Protein backbone atom coordinates (compact mmCIF):
# COMPACT_ATOMS: atom_id res chain seq x y z
CA UNK A 1 -61.73 11.74 29.72
CA UNK A 2 -58.59 11.95 27.58
CA UNK A 3 -59.95 9.29 25.22
CA UNK A 4 -63.29 11.07 24.76
CA UNK A 5 -61.55 14.40 24.18
CA UNK A 6 -59.19 12.82 21.62
CA UNK A 7 -62.12 11.13 19.88
CA UNK A 8 -64.06 14.39 19.67
CA UNK A 9 -61.01 16.20 18.29
CA UNK A 10 -60.48 13.43 15.71
CA UNK A 11 -64.09 13.55 14.56
CA UNK A 12 -63.95 17.36 14.35
CA UNK A 13 -60.72 17.26 12.35
CA UNK A 14 -62.18 14.87 9.79
CA UNK A 15 -65.40 16.87 9.57
CA UNK A 16 -63.42 20.05 9.04
CA UNK A 17 -61.31 18.31 6.40
CA UNK A 18 -64.43 17.82 4.33
CA UNK A 19 -64.63 21.60 3.99
CA UNK A 20 -60.93 22.39 3.72
CA UNK A 21 -58.77 22.38 0.64
CA UNK A 22 -55.78 20.81 2.31
CA UNK A 23 -57.39 18.59 4.87
CA UNK A 24 -55.83 16.50 7.61
CA UNK A 25 -53.44 13.62 7.18
CA UNK A 26 -55.11 10.33 6.40
CA UNK A 27 -54.82 7.89 9.30
CA UNK A 28 -52.21 5.22 8.62
CA UNK A 29 -53.35 1.62 8.34
CA UNK A 30 -51.90 -1.83 7.78
CA UNK A 31 -54.63 -4.34 6.95
CA UNK A 32 -55.01 -7.78 5.36
CA UNK A 33 -56.33 -8.06 1.81
CA UNK A 34 -59.68 -9.86 1.59
CA UNK A 35 -58.55 -12.17 -1.21
CA UNK A 36 -55.27 -13.54 0.11
CA UNK A 37 -54.56 -12.01 3.52
CA UNK A 38 -51.49 -10.13 2.27
CA UNK A 39 -50.94 -7.15 4.54
CA UNK A 40 -51.32 -3.84 2.73
CA UNK A 41 -50.06 -0.65 4.35
CA UNK A 42 -51.33 2.84 3.59
CA UNK A 43 -47.68 3.77 2.99
CA UNK A 44 -47.88 1.82 -0.30
CA UNK A 45 -50.20 4.54 -1.64
CA UNK A 46 -47.83 7.44 -0.93
CA UNK A 47 -48.09 10.00 -3.73
CA UNK A 48 -51.42 8.65 -4.99
CA UNK A 49 -54.87 10.16 -4.72
CA UNK A 50 -57.33 7.71 -3.19
CA UNK A 51 -60.95 7.16 -2.41
CA UNK A 52 -61.06 5.16 0.82
CA UNK A 53 -64.49 3.60 1.16
CA UNK A 54 -65.80 1.74 4.19
CA UNK A 55 -68.41 -0.85 3.23
CA UNK A 56 -70.02 -4.18 4.07
CA UNK A 57 -71.31 -6.96 1.82
CA UNK A 58 -74.73 -6.83 3.51
CA UNK A 59 -75.16 -3.08 2.86
CA UNK A 60 -77.39 -2.48 -0.23
CA UNK A 61 -76.00 1.01 -0.96
CA UNK A 62 -72.44 -0.31 -0.64
CA UNK A 63 -73.10 -3.02 -3.22
CA UNK A 64 -74.95 -0.51 -5.42
CA UNK A 65 -71.89 1.75 -5.67
CA UNK A 66 -69.45 -1.04 -6.69
CA UNK A 67 -69.94 -0.52 -10.47
CA UNK A 68 -69.23 3.21 -10.08
CA UNK A 69 -66.13 2.55 -7.97
CA UNK A 70 -64.87 0.03 -10.54
CA UNK A 71 -65.31 2.55 -13.35
CA UNK A 72 -63.64 5.38 -11.43
CA UNK A 73 -60.71 3.17 -10.44
CA UNK A 74 -60.18 2.10 -14.06
CA UNK A 75 -60.64 5.61 -15.47
CA UNK A 76 -58.22 7.41 -13.13
CA UNK A 77 -55.73 4.65 -12.24
CA UNK A 78 -53.17 5.79 -14.83
CA UNK A 79 -53.27 9.29 -13.30
CA UNK A 80 -52.16 8.08 -9.87
CA UNK A 81 -55.55 7.29 -8.33
CA UNK A 82 -56.88 4.23 -6.54
CA UNK A 83 -60.10 3.21 -4.89
CA UNK A 84 -59.32 1.28 -1.69
CA UNK A 85 -62.24 -0.43 -0.01
CA UNK A 86 -62.17 -1.28 3.68
CA UNK A 87 -64.64 -3.97 4.65
CA UNK A 88 -66.20 -3.94 8.10
CA UNK A 89 -67.81 -7.34 7.58
CA UNK A 90 -67.68 -9.44 10.72
CA UNK A 91 -68.26 -12.64 8.74
CA UNK A 92 -64.63 -12.70 7.67
CA UNK A 93 -62.64 -12.36 4.50
CA UNK A 94 -64.29 -15.33 2.75
CA UNK A 95 -67.61 -13.49 2.51
CA UNK A 96 -65.88 -10.40 1.14
CA UNK A 97 -63.74 -12.39 -1.32
CA UNK A 98 -66.88 -14.07 -2.67
CA UNK A 99 -68.45 -10.65 -3.39
CA UNK A 100 -65.21 -9.48 -4.98
CA UNK A 101 -65.24 -12.41 -7.40
CA UNK A 102 -68.97 -12.10 -8.16
CA UNK A 103 -68.79 -8.35 -8.78
CA UNK A 104 -65.35 -8.57 -10.46
CA UNK A 105 -63.99 -5.82 -8.26
CA UNK A 106 -60.82 -4.34 -9.78
CA UNK A 107 -59.61 -2.31 -6.79
CA UNK A 108 -58.00 -3.41 -3.50
CA UNK A 109 -60.33 -4.57 -0.75
CA UNK A 110 -58.93 -4.82 2.76
CA UNK A 111 -60.39 -6.07 6.00
CA UNK A 112 -60.80 -3.10 8.36
CA UNK A 113 -60.46 -3.40 12.10
CA UNK A 114 -61.96 -1.33 14.92
CA UNK A 115 -58.81 0.75 15.23
CA UNK A 116 -59.03 1.79 11.59
CA UNK A 117 -62.71 2.74 11.77
CA UNK A 118 -61.99 4.68 14.96
CA UNK A 119 -58.99 6.46 13.40
CA UNK A 120 -61.16 7.61 10.51
CA UNK A 121 -63.55 9.30 12.94
CA UNK A 122 -65.61 6.35 14.18
CA UNK A 123 -67.18 5.26 10.90
CA UNK A 124 -70.65 4.00 11.78
CA UNK A 125 -72.75 4.66 8.67
CA UNK A 126 -72.16 2.67 5.49
CA UNK A 127 -70.96 3.40 2.98
CA UNK A 128 -68.67 6.18 4.15
CA UNK A 129 -65.88 7.32 1.87
CA UNK A 130 -62.95 9.69 2.18
CA UNK A 131 -61.22 11.45 -0.71
CA UNK A 132 -57.47 11.67 -0.14
CA UNK A 133 -55.19 13.92 -2.19
CA UNK A 134 -51.70 12.98 -3.43
CA UNK A 135 -50.20 14.54 -0.29
CA UNK A 136 -52.06 12.01 1.86
CA UNK A 137 -54.60 14.47 3.22
CA UNK A 138 -58.31 13.76 3.62
CA UNK A 139 -60.03 16.53 1.67
CA UNK A 140 -63.63 15.33 1.60
CA UNK A 141 -65.92 12.91 3.42
CA UNK A 142 -68.95 11.28 1.79
CA UNK A 143 -71.38 9.85 4.35
CA UNK A 144 -73.70 7.50 2.49
CA UNK A 145 -74.01 6.81 -1.21
CA UNK A 146 -72.22 9.34 -3.44
CA UNK A 147 -73.16 9.76 -7.10
CA UNK A 148 -70.72 9.00 -9.88
CA UNK A 149 -70.84 12.59 -11.15
CA UNK A 150 -69.97 14.00 -7.72
CA UNK A 151 -67.13 11.55 -7.18
CA UNK A 152 -65.76 12.04 -10.69
CA UNK A 153 -65.76 15.82 -10.30
CA UNK A 154 -64.09 15.69 -6.90
CA UNK A 155 -61.48 13.11 -7.95
CA UNK A 156 -60.48 15.37 -10.85
CA UNK A 157 -59.66 18.12 -8.33
CA UNK A 158 -57.09 15.97 -6.49
CA UNK A 159 -55.31 14.72 -9.59
């Protein structure tokens, strides 16, 4: 019962964060990079605005948004912004690394685990992205594909 109640509260908090200016603190994570397995901790992004995006290589909409994410990462990187992709691929890091090389992805891609997807409110639909302000708070959730114009406008508000 405690677990279900905590899960419901977590989902509600993230849903409410999508509407709030401040938001709730982003769940901490420490995950291996898809390319080389180096462990990357969320703490490394302290003071940066981020777009955390959950994706999979087999998801057509996820692959479709890669060019937009690359452009946004490049455009806003100097202003303290980073796209961070969290792969839920069960085929392993090799599959993800292959896509990264083919698509020339310029932002970090980490291998998510069940704990991370659960901590972000049980991410089940792909892609799902979360906009995080420089204070480390989730301020908006994007279930499904989000347009470049929407993301660009929202990113500008957290910089």
